[in-house]
Amino acid sequence: MSRTSRFKFRLYVAGDTQNSAQARVNLSAICRDHLSGQHEVEIVDVLKEPKRALADGIFMTPTLVKLGPAPAQKLVGTLSQTETVLLALGLGQEMASA
């Protein structure tokens, strides 16, 4: 995968709960450390937009959706296992060890 690809993420959270806050911090660190300047992140608070979450098929929070580049991926949890998150998002083992 080209390192010049622009990644688009949507993170579904439930207000300021501990898990949601941790997922935000972890996603921010992953983007800063591995995708600097190559990403966009949209945060959706399911407490404020419950119909959107249901329409998007989100039933647990926090949930990260990689919208692009394809293929789309969904991860549930706080994103604390950085290497596992990178691999699950298709970012490759070379980036996980970078």
N, C-alpha and C. Protein backbone atom coordinates (compact mmCIF):
# COMPACT_ATOMS: atom_id res chain seq x y z
N MET A 1 0.85 -1.18 0.00
CA MET A 1 0.00 0.00 0.00
C MET A 1 0.89 1.22 0.00
N SER A 2 0.57 2.18 -0.78
CA SER A 2 1.34 3.40 -0.88
C SER A 2 1.20 4.24 0.39
N ARG A 3 2.31 4.76 0.86
CA ARG A 3 2.27 5.61 2.06
C ARG A 3 1.65 6.97 1.75
N THR A 4 1.40 7.26 0.48
CA THR A 4 0.79 8.54 0.12
C THR A 4 -0.74 8.45 0.08
N SER A 5 -1.30 7.27 0.32
CA SER A 5 -2.75 7.12 0.36
C SER A 5 -3.30 7.95 1.51
N ARG A 6 -4.48 8.54 1.30
CA ARG A 6 -5.14 9.30 2.36
C ARG A 6 -6.13 8.38 3.06
N PHE A 7 -5.99 8.25 4.35
CA PHE A 7 -6.85 7.38 5.12
C PHE A 7 -8.00 8.18 5.70
N LYS A 8 -9.20 7.61 5.62
CA LYS A 8 -10.39 8.24 6.17
C LYS A 8 -10.96 7.31 7.23
N PHE A 9 -11.10 7.85 8.43
CA PHE A 9 -11.61 7.08 9.56
C PHE A 9 -12.85 7.75 10.13
N ARG A 10 -13.72 6.94 10.69
CA ARG A 10 -14.86 7.43 11.47
C ARG A 10 -14.84 6.66 12.79
N LEU A 11 -14.76 7.39 13.88
CA LEU A 11 -14.73 6.78 15.21
C LEU A 11 -16.05 7.07 15.91
N TYR A 12 -16.75 6.00 16.25
CA TYR A 12 -18.02 6.11 16.98
C TYR A 12 -17.72 5.96 18.46
N VAL A 13 -18.14 6.95 19.24
CA VAL A 13 -17.91 6.95 20.68
C VAL A 13 -19.22 7.19 21.40
N ALA A 14 -19.21 6.93 22.71
CA ALA A 14 -20.38 7.18 23.56
C ALA A 14 -20.00 8.26 24.57
N GLY A 15 -20.13 9.50 24.16
CA GLY A 15 -19.81 10.61 25.04
C GLY A 15 -18.36 10.59 25.48
N ASP A 16 -18.15 10.89 26.75
CA ASP A 16 -16.81 10.96 27.30
C ASP A 16 -16.50 9.78 28.22
N THR A 17 -17.08 8.62 27.92
CA THR A 17 -16.80 7.45 28.73
C THR A 17 -15.31 7.11 28.65
N GLN A 18 -14.83 6.36 29.63
CA GLN A 18 -13.41 6.02 29.68
C GLN A 18 -12.94 5.32 28.40
N ASN A 19 -13.69 4.33 27.93
CA ASN A 19 -13.28 3.60 26.73
C ASN A 19 -13.28 4.50 25.50
N SER A 20 -14.27 5.38 25.39
CA SER A 20 -14.33 6.28 24.25
C SER A 20 -13.15 7.25 24.28
N ALA A 21 -12.86 7.79 25.45
CA ALA A 21 -11.72 8.71 25.58
C ALA A 21 -10.42 8.00 25.24
N GLN A 22 -10.27 6.76 25.70
CA GLN A 22 -9.04 6.01 25.41
C GLN A 22 -8.91 5.73 23.92
N ALA A 23 -10.01 5.40 23.27
CA ALA A 23 -9.97 5.15 21.82
C ALA A 23 -9.55 6.42 21.07
N ARG A 24 -10.06 7.56 21.49
CA ARG A 24 -9.67 8.83 20.85
C ARG A 24 -8.17 9.08 20.99
N VAL A 25 -7.66 8.89 22.20
CA VAL A 25 -6.23 9.10 22.45
C VAL A 25 -5.40 8.13 21.62
N ASN A 26 -5.78 6.86 21.61
CA ASN A 26 -5.02 5.85 20.87
C ASN A 26 -5.07 6.09 19.37
N LEU A 27 -6.24 6.46 18.84
CA LEU A 27 -6.34 6.74 17.41
C LEU A 27 -5.49 7.95 17.05
N SER A 28 -5.52 8.96 17.89
CA SER A 28 -4.70 10.15 17.65
C SER A 28 -3.22 9.79 17.59
N ALA A 29 -2.76 8.95 18.51
CA ALA A 29 -1.36 8.53 18.54
C ALA A 29 -1.01 7.71 17.31
N ILE A 30 -1.90 6.80 16.91
CA ILE A 30 -1.65 5.98 15.71
C ILE A 30 -1.54 6.87 14.49
N CYS A 31 -2.46 7.80 14.35
CA CYS A 31 -2.43 8.70 13.19
C CYS A 31 -1.18 9.58 13.20
N ARG A 32 -0.83 10.11 14.37
CA ARG A 32 0.35 10.97 14.49
C ARG A 32 1.63 10.19 14.16
N ASP A 33 1.74 8.98 14.70
CA ASP A 33 2.97 8.21 14.57
C ASP A 33 3.11 7.47 13.25
N HIS A 34 1.99 7.10 12.62
CA HIS A 34 2.06 6.24 11.43
C HIS A 34 1.42 6.83 10.18
N LEU A 35 0.60 7.85 10.33
CA LEU A 35 -0.12 8.40 9.17
C LEU A 35 -0.06 9.93 9.15
N SER A 36 1.01 10.48 9.61
CA SER A 36 1.13 11.93 9.73
C SER A 36 0.78 12.64 8.42
N GLY A 37 -0.24 13.49 8.49
CA GLY A 37 -0.65 14.26 7.32
C GLY A 37 -1.37 13.47 6.25
N GLN A 38 -1.66 12.20 6.52
CA GLN A 38 -2.27 11.34 5.52
C GLN A 38 -3.61 10.80 5.98
N HIS A 39 -4.30 11.52 6.84
CA HIS A 39 -5.53 10.96 7.40
C HIS A 39 -6.56 12.05 7.69
N GLU A 40 -7.80 11.61 7.75
CA GLU A 40 -8.92 12.41 8.19
C GLU A 40 -9.69 11.57 9.20
N VAL A 41 -10.13 12.19 10.29
CA VAL A 41 -10.88 11.47 11.31
C VAL A 41 -12.16 12.24 11.60
N GLU A 42 -13.27 11.52 11.55
CA GLU A 42 -14.56 12.07 11.94
C GLU A 42 -14.98 11.34 13.22
N ILE A 43 -15.40 12.11 14.22
CA ILE A 43 -15.88 11.53 15.47
C ILE A 43 -17.40 11.63 15.50
N VAL A 44 -18.06 10.50 15.75
CA VAL A 44 -19.52 10.48 15.86
C VAL A 44 -19.87 10.03 17.27
N ASP A 45 -20.55 10.89 18.01
CA ASP A 45 -21.00 10.56 19.35
C ASP A 45 -22.39 9.93 19.24
N VAL A 46 -22.48 8.65 19.54
CA VAL A 46 -23.74 7.93 19.38
C VAL A 46 -24.80 8.39 20.37
N LEU A 47 -24.39 9.05 21.44
CA LEU A 47 -25.38 9.58 22.38
C LEU A 47 -26.08 10.80 21.78
N LYS A 48 -25.39 11.52 20.91
CA LYS A 48 -25.96 12.68 20.25
C LYS A 48 -26.61 12.33 18.91
N GLU A 49 -26.14 11.25 18.28
CA GLU A 49 -26.64 10.85 16.97
C GLU A 49 -26.97 9.36 16.93
N PRO A 50 -27.90 8.90 17.78
CA PRO A 50 -28.18 7.46 17.85
C PRO A 50 -28.75 6.90 16.55
N LYS A 51 -29.57 7.65 15.84
CA LYS A 51 -30.15 7.14 14.59
C LYS A 51 -29.07 6.93 13.54
N ARG A 52 -28.10 7.81 13.51
CA ARG A 52 -27.00 7.66 12.55
C ARG A 52 -26.20 6.40 12.86
N ALA A 53 -25.92 6.18 14.13
CA ALA A 53 -25.17 5.00 14.52
C ALA A 53 -25.91 3.72 14.11
N LEU A 54 -27.20 3.68 14.37
CA LEU A 54 -27.99 2.50 13.98
C LEU A 54 -28.03 2.34 12.46
N ALA A 55 -28.20 3.43 11.75
CA ALA A 55 -28.23 3.37 10.28
C ALA A 55 -26.89 2.89 9.72
N ASP A 56 -25.80 3.22 10.43
CA ASP A 56 -24.47 2.80 9.99
C ASP A 56 -24.09 1.41 10.50
N GLY A 57 -25.00 0.77 11.26
CA GLY A 57 -24.74 -0.59 11.74
C GLY A 57 -23.79 -0.64 12.93
N ILE A 58 -23.78 0.41 13.73
CA ILE A 58 -22.91 0.46 14.90
C ILE A 58 -23.73 0.13 16.13
N PHE A 59 -23.34 -0.94 16.81
CA PHE A 59 -24.08 -1.40 17.98
C PHE A 59 -23.24 -1.40 19.25
N MET A 60 -21.93 -1.15 19.13
CA MET A 60 -21.03 -1.09 20.28
C MET A 60 -20.08 0.08 20.09
N THR A 61 -19.65 0.64 21.20
CA THR A 61 -18.65 1.70 21.13
C THR A 61 -17.52 1.38 22.10
N PRO A 62 -16.34 1.87 21.82
CA PRO A 62 -15.97 2.59 20.63
C PRO A 62 -15.81 1.65 19.43
N THR A 63 -16.15 2.16 18.25
CA THR A 63 -15.96 1.43 17.00
C THR A 63 -15.25 2.35 16.02
N LEU A 64 -14.17 1.85 15.43
CA LEU A 64 -13.45 2.59 14.40
C LEU A 64 -13.78 1.98 13.05
N VAL A 65 -14.15 2.83 12.10
CA VAL A 65 -14.41 2.38 10.74
C VAL A 65 -13.37 3.04 9.84
N LYS A 66 -12.64 2.22 9.10
CA LYS A 66 -11.74 2.74 8.08
C LYS A 66 -12.56 2.81 6.80
N LEU A 67 -12.82 4.01 6.34
CA LEU A 67 -13.63 4.22 5.15
C LEU A 67 -12.81 4.15 3.87
N GLY A 68 -11.56 4.52 3.95
CA GLY A 68 -10.72 4.49 2.77
C GLY A 68 -9.27 4.56 3.18
N PRO A 69 -8.41 4.06 2.36
CA PRO A 69 -8.71 3.38 1.10
C PRO A 69 -9.31 2.00 1.34
N ALA A 70 -9.96 1.47 0.31
CA ALA A 70 -10.62 0.17 0.39
C ALA A 70 -9.59 -0.90 0.72
N PRO A 71 -10.00 -1.97 1.34
CA PRO A 71 -11.36 -2.30 1.76
C PRO A 71 -11.71 -1.63 3.09
N ALA A 72 -12.99 -1.38 3.29
CA ALA A 72 -13.47 -0.83 4.54
C ALA A 72 -13.24 -1.85 5.65
N GLN A 73 -12.95 -1.36 6.84
CA GLN A 73 -12.71 -2.24 7.99
C GLN A 73 -13.40 -1.64 9.20
N LYS A 74 -13.83 -2.50 10.13
CA LYS A 74 -14.38 -2.07 11.41
C LYS A 74 -13.61 -2.72 12.53
N LEU A 75 -13.28 -1.92 13.54
CA LEU A 75 -12.62 -2.42 14.74
C LEU A 75 -13.39 -1.91 15.96
N VAL A 76 -13.62 -2.80 16.90
CA VAL A 76 -14.32 -2.44 18.12
C VAL A 76 -13.32 -2.49 19.27
N GLY A 77 -13.32 -1.46 20.09
CA GLY A 77 -12.45 -1.45 21.26
C GLY A 77 -11.70 -0.15 21.39
N THR A 78 -10.76 -0.12 22.34
CA THR A 78 -10.04 1.10 22.66
C THR A 78 -8.82 1.35 21.78
N LEU A 79 -8.51 0.42 20.88
CA LEU A 79 -7.39 0.55 19.93
C LEU A 79 -6.05 0.59 20.66
N SER A 80 -5.97 -0.09 21.80
CA SER A 80 -4.76 -0.04 22.63
C SER A 80 -3.63 -0.93 22.13
N GLN A 81 -3.93 -1.91 21.31
CA GLN A 81 -2.91 -2.80 20.76
C GLN A 81 -2.49 -2.27 19.38
N THR A 82 -1.57 -1.33 19.38
CA THR A 82 -1.23 -0.59 18.16
C THR A 82 -0.87 -1.49 17.00
N GLU A 83 0.00 -2.45 17.21
CA GLU A 83 0.42 -3.32 16.10
C GLU A 83 -0.76 -4.09 15.54
N THR A 84 -1.61 -4.60 16.40
CA THR A 84 -2.80 -5.34 15.97
C THR A 84 -3.74 -4.42 15.19
N VAL A 85 -3.91 -3.20 15.65
CA VAL A 85 -4.78 -2.24 14.96
C VAL A 85 -4.23 -1.95 13.57
N LEU A 86 -2.94 -1.68 13.47
CA LEU A 86 -2.33 -1.39 12.17
C LEU A 86 -2.51 -2.56 11.20
N LEU A 87 -2.29 -3.76 11.67
CA LEU A 87 -2.44 -4.93 10.81
C LEU A 87 -3.90 -5.13 10.41
N ALA A 88 -4.82 -4.94 11.36
CA ALA A 88 -6.24 -5.12 11.07
C ALA A 88 -6.73 -4.10 10.05
N LEU A 89 -6.14 -2.92 10.07
CA LEU A 89 -6.54 -1.87 9.13
C LEU A 89 -5.85 -2.01 7.78
N GLY A 90 -5.03 -3.04 7.64
CA GLY A 90 -4.35 -3.27 6.37
C GLY A 90 -3.19 -2.33 6.15
N LEU A 91 -2.60 -1.83 7.23
CA LEU A 91 -1.50 -0.90 7.10
C LEU A 91 -0.15 -1.61 7.02
N GLY A 92 -0.15 -2.92 7.16
CA GLY A 92 1.04 -3.71 6.93
C GLY A 92 1.97 -3.78 8.12
N GLN A 93 2.67 -4.90 8.21
CA GLN A 93 3.58 -5.14 9.31
C GLN A 93 4.76 -4.17 9.28
N GLU A 94 5.18 -3.72 8.10
CA GLU A 94 6.29 -2.79 8.04
C GLU A 94 5.96 -1.48 8.74
N MET A 95 4.69 -1.04 8.70
CA MET A 95 4.29 0.18 9.39
C MET A 95 4.13 -0.10 10.88
N ALA A 96 3.68 -1.29 11.24
CA ALA A 96 3.47 -1.63 12.64
C ALA A 96 4.78 -1.60 13.41
N SER A 97 5.86 -1.93 12.74
CA SER A 97 7.15 -1.94 13.41
C SER A 97 7.92 -0.64 13.21
N ALA A 98 7.33 0.30 12.47
CA ALA A 98 8.02 1.57 12.21
C ALA A 98 8.06 2.43 13.45
